[in-house]
Amino acid sequence: MTDSIDASRRKLIEDFNAVITDSEALLKALAASGAEKGSALRATAEQNLQVARERVRELQADALERSRAAARAADEYVHENPWQSMGGVAVLAILAGFVIGLLMNRR
């Protein structure tokens, strides 16, 4: 579940970055036109872009902090339960070897 949340968050950040990039290109095109109405629109768009940039920075910082917290929790668990962790790794290695053996045997 957290993987899907992280994937959604990453996708949202990518989308925000794309919108910001496209909006900046639009603003440059508006600035080149020099119209009075365009400059008012440009000021509003720049303000909205600044808000969007700040929101993206907040989302990125939040995602980074959550990933650091998850890494710390995993590190603490491994240090508090080294044998269980080693057992889990051993089971995964055995299962991976079994699957690879099955796949190679099919040839």
PDB file of N, CA and C in Angstrom:
ATOM      1  N   MET A   1       0.814  -1.188   0.000  1.00  0.00           N
ATOM      2  CA  MET A   1       0.000   0.000   0.000  1.00  0.00           C
ATOM      3  C   MET A   1       0.860   1.255   0.000  1.00  0.00           C
ATOM      4  N   THR A   2       1.937   1.249   0.806  1.00  0.00           N
ATOM      5  CA  THR A   2       2.804   2.426   0.827  1.00  0.00           C
ATOM      6  C   THR A   2       3.517   2.606  -0.496  1.00  0.00           C
ATOM      7  N   ASP A   3       3.747   1.492  -1.215  1.00  0.00           N
ATOM      8  CA  ASP A   3       4.370   1.611  -2.531  1.00  0.00           C
ATOM      9  C   ASP A   3       3.464   2.359  -3.493  1.00  0.00           C
ATOM     10  N   SER A   4       2.173   2.057  -3.443  1.00  0.00           N
ATOM     11  CA  SER A   4       1.243   2.748  -4.337  1.00  0.00           C
ATOM     12  C   SER A   4       1.104   4.213  -3.948  1.00  0.00           C
ATOM     13  N   ILE A   5       1.166   4.494  -2.646  1.00  0.00           N
ATOM     14  CA  ILE A   5       1.112   5.895  -2.199  1.00  0.00           C
ATOM     15  C   ILE A   5       2.359   6.630  -2.657  1.00  0.00           C
ATOM     16  N   ASP A   6       3.514   5.994  -2.495  1.00  0.00           N
ATOM     17  CA  ASP A   6       4.761   6.621  -2.944  1.00  0.00           C
ATOM     18  C   ASP A   6       4.773   6.816  -4.453  1.00  0.00           C
ATOM     19  N   ALA A   7       4.263   5.833  -5.175  1.00  0.00           N
ATOM     20  CA  ALA A   7       4.212   5.958  -6.636  1.00  0.00           C
ATOM     21  C   ALA A   7       3.268   7.090  -7.031  1.00  0.00           C
ATOM     22  N   SER A   8       2.149   7.204  -6.343  1.00  0.00           N
ATOM     23  CA  SER A   8       1.211   8.293  -6.633  1.00  0.00           C
ATOM     24  C   SER A   8       1.836   9.641  -6.318  1.00  0.00           C
ATOM     25  N   ARG A   9       2.557   9.698  -5.206  1.00  0.00           N
ATOM     26  CA  ARG A   9       3.208  10.953  -4.819  1.00  0.00           C
ATOM     27  C   ARG A   9       4.272  11.339  -5.854  1.00  0.00           C
ATOM     28  N   ARG A  10       5.057  10.345  -6.290  1.00  0.00           N
ATOM     29  CA  ARG A  10       6.077  10.631  -7.305  1.00  0.00           C
ATOM     30  C   ARG A  10       5.433  11.107  -8.604  1.00  0.00           C
ATOM     31  N   LYS A  11       4.341  10.464  -8.991  1.00  0.00           N
ATOM     32  CA  LYS A  11       3.637  10.855 -10.214  1.00  0.00           C
ATOM     33  C   LYS A  11       3.086  12.270 -10.075  1.00  0.00           C
ATOM     34  N   LEU A  12       2.544  12.605  -8.909  1.00  0.00           N
ATOM     35  CA  LEU A  12       2.023  13.947  -8.672  1.00  0.00           C
ATOM     36  C   LEU A  12       3.137  14.979  -8.776  1.00  0.00           C
ATOM     37  N   ILE A  13       4.282  14.678  -8.203  1.00  0.00           N
ATOM     38  CA  ILE A  13       5.420  15.597  -8.271  1.00  0.00           C
ATOM     39  C   ILE A  13       5.870  15.775  -9.710  1.00  0.00           C
ATOM     40  N   GLU A  14       5.943  14.668 -10.456  1.00  0.00           N
ATOM     41  CA  GLU A  14       6.329  14.754 -11.872  1.00  0.00           C
ATOM     42  C   GLU A  14       5.323  15.602 -12.653  1.00  0.00           C
ATOM     43  N   ASP A  15       4.031  15.412 -12.364  1.00  0.00           N
ATOM     44  CA  ASP A  15       2.997  16.188 -13.049  1.00  0.00           C
ATOM     45  C   ASP A  15       3.107  17.666 -12.708  1.00  0.00           C
ATOM     46  N   PHE A  16       3.329  17.962 -11.436  1.00  0.00           N
ATOM     47  CA  PHE A  16       3.504  19.363 -11.034  1.00  0.00           C
ATOM     48  C   PHE A  16       4.702  19.977 -11.748  1.00  0.00           C
ATOM     49  N   ASN A  17       5.789  19.241 -11.800  1.00  0.00           N
ATOM     50  CA  ASN A  17       6.983  19.764 -12.475  1.00  0.00           C
ATOM     51  C   ASN A  17       6.711  20.011 -13.957  1.00  0.00           C
ATOM     52  N   ALA A  18       5.954  19.124 -14.595  1.00  0.00           N
ATOM     53  CA  ALA A  18       5.613  19.307 -16.007  1.00  0.00           C
ATOM     54  C   ALA A  18       4.734  20.539 -16.190  1.00  0.00           C
ATOM     55  N   VAL A  19       3.766  20.731 -15.293  1.00  0.00           N
ATOM     56  CA  VAL A  19       2.900  21.908 -15.378  1.00  0.00           C
ATOM     57  C   VAL A  19       3.718  23.179 -15.193  1.00  0.00           C
ATOM     58  N   ILE A  20       4.619  23.158 -14.252  1.00  0.00           N
ATOM     59  CA  ILE A  20       5.458  24.337 -14.012  1.00  0.00           C
ATOM     60  C   ILE A  20       6.309  24.647 -15.233  1.00  0.00           C
ATOM     61  N   THR A  21       6.906  23.633 -15.823  1.00  0.00           N
ATOM     62  CA  THR A  21       7.743  23.839 -17.003  1.00  0.00           C
ATOM     63  C   THR A  21       6.925  24.387 -18.170  1.00  0.00           C
ATOM     64  N   ASP A  22       5.757  23.793 -18.396  1.00  0.00           N
ATOM     65  CA  ASP A  22       4.888  24.268 -19.481  1.00  0.00           C
ATOM     66  C   ASP A  22       4.404  25.689 -19.224  1.00  0.00           C
ATOM     67  N   SER A  23       4.083  25.983 -17.980  1.00  0.00           N
ATOM     68  CA  SER A  23       3.608  27.328 -17.638  1.00  0.00           C
ATOM     69  C   SER A  23       4.706  28.364 -17.831  1.00  0.00           C
ATOM     70  N   GLU A  24       5.925  28.004 -17.478  1.00  0.00           N
ATOM     71  CA  GLU A  24       7.035  28.931 -17.691  1.00  0.00           C
ATOM     72  C   GLU A  24       7.219  29.225 -19.177  1.00  0.00           C
ATOM     73  N   ALA A  25       7.088  28.208 -20.014  1.00  0.00           N
ATOM     74  CA  ALA A  25       7.201  28.413 -21.456  1.00  0.00           C
ATOM     75  C   ALA A  25       6.072  29.316 -21.960  1.00  0.00           C
ATOM     76  N   LEU A  26       4.867  29.114 -21.423  1.00  0.00           N
ATOM     77  CA  LEU A  26       3.729  29.949 -21.798  1.00  0.00           C
ATOM     78  C   LEU A  26       3.958  31.397 -21.374  1.00  0.00           C
ATOM     79  N   LEU A  27       4.494  31.576 -20.182  1.00  0.00           N
ATOM     80  CA  LEU A  27       4.769  32.937 -19.701  1.00  0.00           C
ATOM     81  C   LEU A  27       5.797  33.642 -20.575  1.00  0.00           C
ATOM     82  N   LYS A  28       6.790  32.915 -20.994  1.00  0.00           N
ATOM     83  CA  LYS A  28       7.796  33.516 -21.880  1.00  0.00           C
ATOM     84  C   LYS A  28       7.171  33.933 -23.201  1.00  0.00           C
ATOM     85  N   ALA A  29       6.255  33.102 -23.710  1.00  0.00           N
ATOM     86  CA  ALA A  29       5.567  33.441 -24.954  1.00  0.00           C
ATOM     87  C   ALA A  29       4.674  34.661 -24.760  1.00  0.00           C
ATOM     88  N   LEU A  30       4.004  34.760 -23.623  1.00  0.00           N
ATOM     89  CA  LEU A  30       3.166  35.918 -23.330  1.00  0.00           C
ATOM     90  C   LEU A  30       4.005  37.189 -23.207  1.00  0.00           C
ATOM     91  N   ALA A  31       5.162  37.052 -22.576  1.00  0.00           N
ATOM     92  CA  ALA A  31       6.032  38.211 -22.412  1.00  0.00           C
ATOM     93  C   ALA A  31       6.495  38.726 -23.773  1.00  0.00           C
ATOM     94  N   ALA A  32       6.689  37.819 -24.690  1.00  0.00           N
ATOM     95  CA  ALA A  32       7.135  38.218 -26.025  1.00  0.00           C
ATOM     96  C   ALA A  32       6.035  38.966 -26.766  1.00  0.00           C
ATOM     97  N   SER A  33       4.749  38.660 -26.459  1.00  0.00           N
ATOM     98  CA  SER A  33       3.655  39.341 -27.146  1.00  0.00           C
ATOM     99  C   SER A  33       3.509  40.785 -26.680  1.00  0.00           C
ATOM    100  N   GLY A  34       3.829  41.046 -25.415  1.00  0.00           N
ATOM    101  CA  GLY A  34       3.836  42.412 -24.902  1.00  0.00           C
ATOM    102  C   GLY A  34       2.466  43.034 -24.716  1.00  0.00           C
ATOM    103  N   ALA A  35       1.416  42.294 -24.782  1.00  0.00           N
ATOM    104  CA  ALA A  35       0.077  42.844 -24.624  1.00  0.00           C
ATOM    105  C   ALA A  35      -0.166  43.219 -23.168  1.00  0.00           C
ATOM    106  N   GLU A  36      -0.980  44.266 -22.961  1.00  0.00           N
ATOM    107  CA  GLU A  36      -1.286  44.730 -21.606  1.00  0.00           C
ATOM    108  C   GLU A  36      -2.044  43.668 -20.820  1.00  0.00           C
ATOM    109  N   LYS A  37      -3.004  43.055 -21.471  1.00  0.00           N
ATOM    110  CA  LYS A  37      -3.780  41.990 -20.833  1.00  0.00           C
ATOM    111  C   LYS A  37      -2.869  40.801 -20.530  1.00  0.00           C
ATOM    112  N   GLY A  38      -1.925  40.573 -21.408  1.00  0.00           N
ATOM    113  CA  GLY A  38      -0.981  39.478 -21.208  1.00  0.00           C
ATOM    114  C   GLY A  38      -0.104  39.698 -19.990  1.00  0.00           C
ATOM    115  N   SER A  39       0.284  40.930 -19.716  1.00  0.00           N
ATOM    116  CA  SER A  39       1.137  41.186 -18.558  1.00  0.00           C
ATOM    117  C   SER A  39       0.371  40.977 -17.251  1.00  0.00           C
ATOM    118  N   ALA A  40      -0.921  41.298 -17.233  1.00  0.00           N
ATOM    119  CA  ALA A  40      -1.731  41.031 -16.040  1.00  0.00           C
ATOM    120  C   ALA A  40      -1.874  39.529 -15.842  1.00  0.00           C
ATOM    121  N   LEU A  41      -2.122  38.836 -16.930  1.00  0.00           N
ATOM    122  CA  LEU A  41      -2.225  37.385 -16.872  1.00  0.00           C
ATOM    123  C   LEU A  41      -0.895  36.774 -16.445  1.00  0.00           C
ATOM    124  N   ARG A  42       0.151  37.350 -16.938  1.00  0.00           N
ATOM    125  CA  ARG A  42       1.492  36.858 -16.602  1.00  0.00           C
ATOM    126  C   ARG A  42       1.763  37.008 -15.107  1.00  0.00           C
ATOM    127  N   ALA A  43       1.391  38.148 -14.522  1.00  0.00           N
ATOM    128  CA  ALA A  43       1.607  38.367 -13.091  1.00  0.00           C
ATOM    129  C   ALA A  43       0.836  37.346 -12.258  1.00  0.00           C
ATOM    130  N   THR A  44      -0.401  37.090 -12.628  1.00  0.00           N
ATOM    131  CA  THR A  44      -1.213  36.103 -11.914  1.00  0.00           C
ATOM    132  C   THR A  44      -0.626  34.710 -12.073  1.00  0.00           C
ATOM    133  N   ALA A  45      -0.211  34.375 -13.278  1.00  0.00           N
ATOM    134  CA  ALA A  45       0.363  33.054 -13.532  1.00  0.00           C
ATOM    135  C   ALA A  45       1.667  32.870 -12.771  1.00  0.00           C
ATOM    136  N   GLU A  46       2.491  33.916 -12.713  1.00  0.00           N
ATOM    137  CA  GLU A  46       3.750  33.812 -11.971  1.00  0.00           C
ATOM    138  C   GLU A  46       3.493  33.571 -10.495  1.00  0.00           C
ATOM    139  N   GLN A  47       2.485  34.238  -9.957  1.00  0.00           N
ATOM    140  CA  GLN A  47       2.133  34.042  -8.553  1.00  0.00           C
ATOM    141  C   GLN A  47       1.658  32.609  -8.323  1.00  0.00           C
ATOM    142  N   ASN A  48       0.816  32.110  -9.210  1.00  0.00           N
ATOM    143  CA  ASN A  48       0.334  30.734  -9.096  1.00  0.00           C
ATOM    144  C   ASN A  48       1.467  29.723  -9.264  1.00  0.00           C
ATOM    145  N   LEU A  49       2.396  30.025 -10.149  1.00  0.00           N
ATOM    146  CA  LEU A  49       3.552  29.147 -10.331  1.00  0.00           C
ATOM    147  C   LEU A  49       4.404  29.091  -9.074  1.00  0.00           C
ATOM    148  N   GLN A  50       4.570  30.225  -8.434  1.00  0.00           N
ATOM    149  CA  GLN A  50       5.364  30.252  -7.203  1.00  0.00           C
ATOM    150  C   GLN A  50       4.711  29.384  -6.128  1.00  0.00           C
ATOM    151  N   VAL A  51       3.400  29.471  -6.019  1.00  0.00           N
ATOM    152  CA  VAL A  51       2.670  28.636  -5.057  1.00  0.00           C
ATOM    153  C   VAL A  51       2.839  27.159  -5.420  1.00  0.00           C
ATOM    154  N   ALA A  52       2.728  26.829  -6.696  1.00  0.00           N
ATOM    155  CA  ALA A  52       2.887  25.444  -7.136  1.00  0.00           C
ATOM    156  C   ALA A  52       4.293  24.940  -6.863  1.00  0.00           C
ATOM    157  N   ARG A  53       5.297  25.769  -7.124  1.00  0.00           N
ATOM    158  CA  ARG A  53       6.689  25.364  -6.850  1.00  0.00           C
ATOM    159  C   ARG A  53       6.882  25.068  -5.371  1.00  0.00           C
ATOM    160  N   GLU A  54       6.334  25.914  -4.527  1.00  0.00           N
ATOM    161  CA  GLU A  54       6.475  25.716  -3.086  1.00  0.00           C
ATOM    162  C   GLU A  54       5.783  24.430  -2.652  1.00  0.00           C
ATOM    163  N   ARG A  55       4.632  24.157  -3.215  1.00  0.00           N
ATOM    164  CA  ARG A  55       3.903  22.925  -2.881  1.00  0.00           C
ATOM    165  C   ARG A  55       4.698  21.689  -3.316  1.00  0.00           C
ATOM    166  N   VAL A  56       5.300  21.754  -4.485  1.00  0.00           N
ATOM    167  CA  VAL A  56       6.133  20.631  -4.956  1.00  0.00           C
ATOM    168  C   VAL A  56       7.316  20.440  -4.021  1.00  0.00           C
ATOM    169  N   ARG A  57       7.939  21.527  -3.604  1.00  0.00           N
ATOM    170  CA  ARG A  57       9.068  21.409  -2.664  1.00  0.00           C
ATOM    171  C   ARG A  57       8.618  20.765  -1.361  1.00  0.00           C
ATOM    172  N   GLU A  58       7.427  21.155  -0.875  1.00  0.00           N
ATOM    173  CA  GLU A  58       6.901  20.556   0.355  1.00  0.00           C
ATOM    174  C   GLU A  58       6.645  19.063   0.176  1.00  0.00           C
ATOM    175  N   LEU A  59       6.059  18.689  -0.958  1.00  0.00           N
ATOM    176  CA  LEU A  59       5.802  17.271  -1.227  1.00  0.00           C
ATOM    177  C   LEU A  59       7.099  16.485  -1.313  1.00  0.00           C
ATOM    178  N   GLN A  60       8.109  17.063  -1.969  1.00  0.00           N
ATOM    179  CA  GLN A  60       9.387  16.372  -2.087  1.00  0.00           C
ATOM    180  C   GLN A  60      10.040  16.217  -0.719  1.00  0.00           C
ATOM    181  N   ALA A  61       9.982  17.270   0.089  1.00  0.00           N
ATOM    182  CA  ALA A  61      10.568  17.197   1.429  1.00  0.00           C
ATOM    183  C   ALA A  61       9.838  16.167   2.282  1.00  0.00           C
ATOM    184  N   ASP A  62       8.519  16.138   2.169  1.00  0.00           N
ATOM    185  CA  ASP A  62       7.721  15.164   2.920  1.00  0.00           C
ATOM    186  C   ASP A  62       8.051  13.742   2.489  1.00  0.00           C
ATOM    187  N   ALA A  63       8.145  13.518   1.193  1.00  0.00           N
ATOM    188  CA  ALA A  63       8.480  12.183   0.683  1.00  0.00           C
ATOM    189  C   ALA A  63       9.876  11.766   1.140  1.00  0.00           C
ATOM    190  N   LEU A  64      10.812  12.703   1.116  1.00  0.00           N
ATOM    191  CA  LEU A  64      12.175  12.404   1.556  1.00  0.00           C
ATOM    192  C   LEU A  64      12.197  12.051   3.036  1.00  0.00           C
ATOM    193  N   GLU A  65      11.473  12.809   3.846  1.00  0.00           N
ATOM    194  CA  GLU A  65      11.435  12.539   5.285  1.00  0.00           C
ATOM    195  C   GLU A  65      10.786  11.194   5.575  1.00  0.00           C
ATOM    196  N   ARG A  66       9.725  10.862   4.853  1.00  0.00           N
ATOM    197  CA  ARG A  66       9.077   9.571   5.063  1.00  0.00           C
ATOM    198  C   ARG A  66       9.998   8.415   4.665  1.00  0.00           C
ATOM    199  N   SER A  67      10.735   8.580   3.585  1.00  0.00           N
ATOM    200  CA  SER A  67      11.641   7.507   3.173  1.00  0.00           C
ATOM    201  C   SER A  67      12.781   7.356   4.172  1.00  0.00           C
ATOM    202  N   ARG A  68      13.253   8.480   4.721  1.00  0.00           N
ATOM    203  CA  ARG A  68      14.299   8.399   5.752  1.00  0.00           C
ATOM    204  C   ARG A  68      13.763   7.715   7.000  1.00  0.00           C
ATOM    205  N   ALA A  69      12.526   8.032   7.389  1.00  0.00           N
ATOM    206  CA  ALA A  69      11.920   7.402   8.563  1.00  0.00           C
ATOM    207  C   ALA A  69      11.768   5.900   8.341  1.00  0.00           C
ATOM    208  N   ALA A  70      11.363   5.500   7.144  1.00  0.00           N
ATOM    209  CA  ALA A  70      11.237   4.070   6.841  1.00  0.00           C
ATOM    210  C   ALA A  70      12.594   3.380   6.899  1.00  0.00           C
ATOM    211  N   ALA A  71      13.610   4.041   6.381  1.00  0.00           N
ATOM    212  CA  ALA A  71      14.962   3.465   6.425  1.00  0.00           C
ATOM    213  C   ALA A  71      15.447   3.342   7.868  1.00  0.00           C
ATOM    214  N   ARG A  72      15.174   4.361   8.686  1.00  0.00           N
ATOM    215  CA  ARG A  72      15.570   4.289  10.104  1.00  0.00           C
ATOM    216  C   ARG A  72      14.838   3.146  10.812  1.00  0.00           C
ATOM    217  N   ALA A  73      13.543   3.008  10.529  1.00  0.00           N
ATOM    218  CA  ALA A  73      12.763   1.938  11.162  1.00  0.00           C
ATOM    219  C   ALA A  73      13.293   0.566  10.756  1.00  0.00           C
ATOM    220  N   ALA A  74      13.618   0.406   9.493  1.00  0.00           N
ATOM    221  CA  ALA A  74      14.173  -0.871   9.022  1.00  0.00           C
ATOM    222  C   ALA A  74      15.524  -1.138   9.676  1.00  0.00           C
ATOM    223  N   ASP A  75      16.343  -0.103   9.776  1.00  0.00           N
ATOM    224  CA  ASP A  75      17.658  -0.245  10.399  1.00  0.00           C
ATOM    225  C   ASP A  75      17.521  -0.638  11.871  1.00  0.00           C
ATOM    226  N   GLU A  76      16.599   0.023  12.575  1.00  0.00           N
ATOM    227  CA  GLU A  76      16.381  -0.304  13.985  1.00  0.00           C
ATOM    228  C   GLU A  76      15.890  -1.739  14.139  1.00  0.00           C
ATOM    229  N   TYR A  77      14.969  -2.157  13.270  1.00  0.00           N
ATOM    230  CA  TYR A  77      14.444  -3.515  13.352  1.00  0.00           C
ATOM    231  C   TYR A  77      15.563  -4.541  13.151  1.00  0.00           C
ATOM    232  N   VAL A  78      16.401  -4.294  12.166  1.00  0.00           N
ATOM    233  CA  VAL A  78      17.493  -5.240  11.891  1.00  0.00           C
ATOM    234  C   VAL A  78      18.463  -5.293  13.067  1.00  0.00           C
ATOM    235  N   HIS A  79      18.737  -4.136  13.679  1.00  0.00           N
ATOM    236  CA  HIS A  79      19.649  -4.139  14.815  1.00  0.00           C
ATOM    237  C   HIS A  79      19.021  -4.787  16.058  1.00  0.00           C
ATOM    238  N   GLU A  80      17.729  -4.625  16.230  1.00  0.00           N
ATOM    239  CA  GLU A  80      17.053  -5.216  17.377  1.00  0.00           C
ATOM    240  C   GLU A  80      16.749  -6.698  17.172  1.00  0.00           C
ATOM    241  N   ASN A  81      16.613  -7.134  15.953  1.00  0.00           N
ATOM    242  CA  ASN A  81      16.251  -8.520  15.635  1.00  0.00           C
ATOM    243  C   ASN A  81      17.179  -9.085  14.561  1.00  0.00           C
ATOM    244  N   PRO A  82      18.462  -9.218  14.868  1.00  0.00           N
ATOM    245  CA  PRO A  82      19.393  -9.649  13.806  1.00  0.00           C
ATOM    246  C   PRO A  82      19.129 -11.068  13.313  1.00  0.00           C
ATOM    247  N   TRP A  83      18.751 -11.982  14.215  1.00  0.00           N
ATOM    248  CA  TRP A  83      18.556 -13.368  13.788  1.00  0.00           C
ATOM    249  C   TRP A  83      17.296 -13.516  12.945  1.00  0.00           C
ATOM    250  N   GLN A  84      16.240 -12.805  13.318  1.00  0.00           N
ATOM    251  CA  GLN A  84      15.027 -12.863  12.515  1.00  0.00           C
ATOM    252  C   GLN A  84      15.284 -12.274  11.133  1.00  0.00           C
ATOM    253  N   SER A  85      16.066 -11.203  11.096  1.00  0.00           N
ATOM    254  CA  SER A  85      16.388 -10.576   9.816  1.00  0.00           C
ATOM    255  C   SER A  85      17.202 -11.520   8.942  1.00  0.00           C
ATOM    256  N   MET A  86      18.185 -12.169   9.547  1.00  0.00           N
ATOM    257  CA  MET A  86      19.010 -13.115   8.790  1.00  0.00           C
ATOM    258  C   MET A  86      18.170 -14.292   8.317  1.00  0.00           C
ATOM    259  N   GLY A  87      17.238 -14.732   9.163  1.00  0.00           N
ATOM    260  CA  GLY A  87      16.352 -15.824   8.768  1.00  0.00           C
ATOM    261  C   GLY A  87      15.485 -15.429   7.586  1.00  0.00           C
ATOM    262  N   GLY A  88      14.970 -14.213   7.609  1.00  0.00           N
ATOM    263  CA  GLY A  88      14.154 -13.732   6.494  1.00  0.00           C
ATOM    264  C   GLY A  88      14.953 -13.654   5.210  1.00  0.00           C
ATOM    265  N   VAL A  89      16.185 -13.178   5.312  1.00  0.00           N
ATOM    266  CA  VAL A  89      17.050 -13.098   4.126  1.00  0.00           C
ATOM    267  C   VAL A  89      17.353 -14.500   3.606  1.00  0.00           C
ATOM    268  N   ALA A  90      17.602 -15.433   4.527  1.00  0.00           N
ATOM    269  CA  ALA A  90      17.906 -16.803   4.120  1.00  0.00           C
ATOM    270  C   ALA A  90      16.715 -17.430   3.397  1.00  0.00           C
ATOM    271  N   VAL A  91      15.516 -17.210   3.929  1.00  0.00           N
ATOM    272  CA  VAL A  91      14.320 -17.765   3.294  1.00  0.00           C
ATOM    273  C   VAL A  91      14.147 -17.174   1.895  1.00  0.00           C
ATOM    274  N   LEU A  92      14.339 -15.866   1.772  1.00  0.00           N
ATOM    275  CA  LEU A  92      14.227 -15.227   0.461  1.00  0.00           C
ATOM    276  C   LEU A  92      15.265 -15.765  -0.519  1.00  0.00           C
ATOM    277  N   ALA A  93      16.490 -15.990  -0.030  1.00  0.00           N
ATOM    278  CA  ALA A  93      17.534 -16.528  -0.900  1.00  0.00           C
ATOM    279  C   ALA A  93      17.187 -17.940  -1.358  1.00  0.00           C
ATOM    280  N   ILE A  94      16.663 -18.738  -0.456  1.00  0.00           N
ATOM    281  CA  ILE A  94      16.278 -20.105  -0.812  1.00  0.00           C
ATOM    282  C   ILE A  94      15.143 -20.079  -1.839  1.00  0.00           C
ATOM    283  N   LEU A  95      14.140 -19.241  -1.603  1.00  0.00           N
ATOM    284  CA  LEU A  95      13.028 -19.133  -2.551  1.00  0.00           C
ATOM    285  C   LEU A  95      13.497 -18.647  -3.916  1.00  0.00           C
ATOM    286  N   ALA A  96      14.399 -17.674  -3.920  1.00  0.00           N
ATOM    287  CA  ALA A  96      14.915 -17.171  -5.196  1.00  0.00           C
ATOM    288  C   ALA A  96      15.677 -18.268  -5.925  1.00  0.00           C
ATOM    289  N   GLY A  97      16.478 -19.029  -5.202  1.00  0.00           N
ATOM    290  CA  GLY A  97      17.201 -20.141  -5.809  1.00  0.00           C
ATOM    291  C   GLY A  97      16.265 -21.199  -6.360  1.00  0.00           C
ATOM    292  N   PHE A  98      15.199 -21.462  -5.621  1.00  0.00           N
ATOM    293  CA  PHE A  98      14.206 -22.444  -6.061  1.00  0.00           C
ATOM    294  C   PHE A  98      13.526 -21.985  -7.352  1.00  0.00           C
ATOM    295  N   VAL A  99      13.128 -20.736  -7.398  1.00  0.00           N
ATOM    296  CA  VAL A  99      12.454 -20.193  -8.597  1.00  0.00           C
ATOM    297  C   VAL A  99      13.405 -20.204  -9.787  1.00  0.00           C
ATOM    298  N   ILE A 100      14.635 -19.787  -9.572  1.00  0.00           N
ATOM    299  CA  ILE A 100      15.627 -19.787 -10.655  1.00  0.00           C
ATOM    300  C   ILE A 100      15.867 -21.220 -11.143  1.00  0.00           C
ATOM    301  N   GLY A 101      15.929 -22.167 -10.196  1.00  0.00           N
ATOM    302  CA  GLY A 101      16.104 -23.576 -10.566  1.00  0.00           C
ATOM    303  C   GLY A 101      14.940 -24.083 -11.408  1.00  0.00           C
ATOM    304  N   LEU A 102      13.714 -23.716 -11.017  1.00  0.00           N
ATOM    305  CA  LEU A 102      12.549 -24.122 -11.787  1.00  0.00           C
ATOM    306  C   LEU A 102      12.577 -23.539 -13.198  1.00  0.00           C
ATOM    307  N   LEU A 103      12.932 -22.279 -13.280  1.00  0.00           N
ATOM    308  CA  LEU A 103      12.973 -21.626 -14.591  1.00  0.00           C
ATOM    309  C   LEU A 103      14.045 -22.227 -15.488  1.00  0.00           C
ATOM    310  N   MET A 104      15.184 -22.548 -14.915  1.00  0.00           N
ATOM    311  CA  MET A 104      16.272 -23.134 -15.709  1.00  0.00           C
ATOM    312  C   MET A 104      15.946 -24.569 -16.097  1.00  0.00           C
ATOM    313  N   ASN A 105      15.188 -25.278 -15.265  1.00  0.00           N
ATOM    314  CA  ASN A 105      14.830 -26.674 -15.525  1.00  0.00           C
ATOM    315  C   ASN A 105      13.840 -26.770 -16.687  1.00  0.00           C
ATOM    316  N   ARG A 106      13.058 -25.717 -16.929  1.00  0.00           N
ATOM    317  CA  ARG A 106      12.081 -25.727 -17.994  1.00  0.00           C
ATOM    318  C   ARG A 106      12.729 -25.715 -19.377  1.00  0.00           C
ATOM    319  N   ARG A 107      13.908 -25.224 -19.474  1.00  0.00           N
ATOM    320  CA  ARG A 107      14.605 -25.150 -20.750  1.00  0.00           C
ATOM    321  C   ARG A 107      14.985 -26.517 -21.141  1.00  0.00           C
TER     322      ARG A 107
END
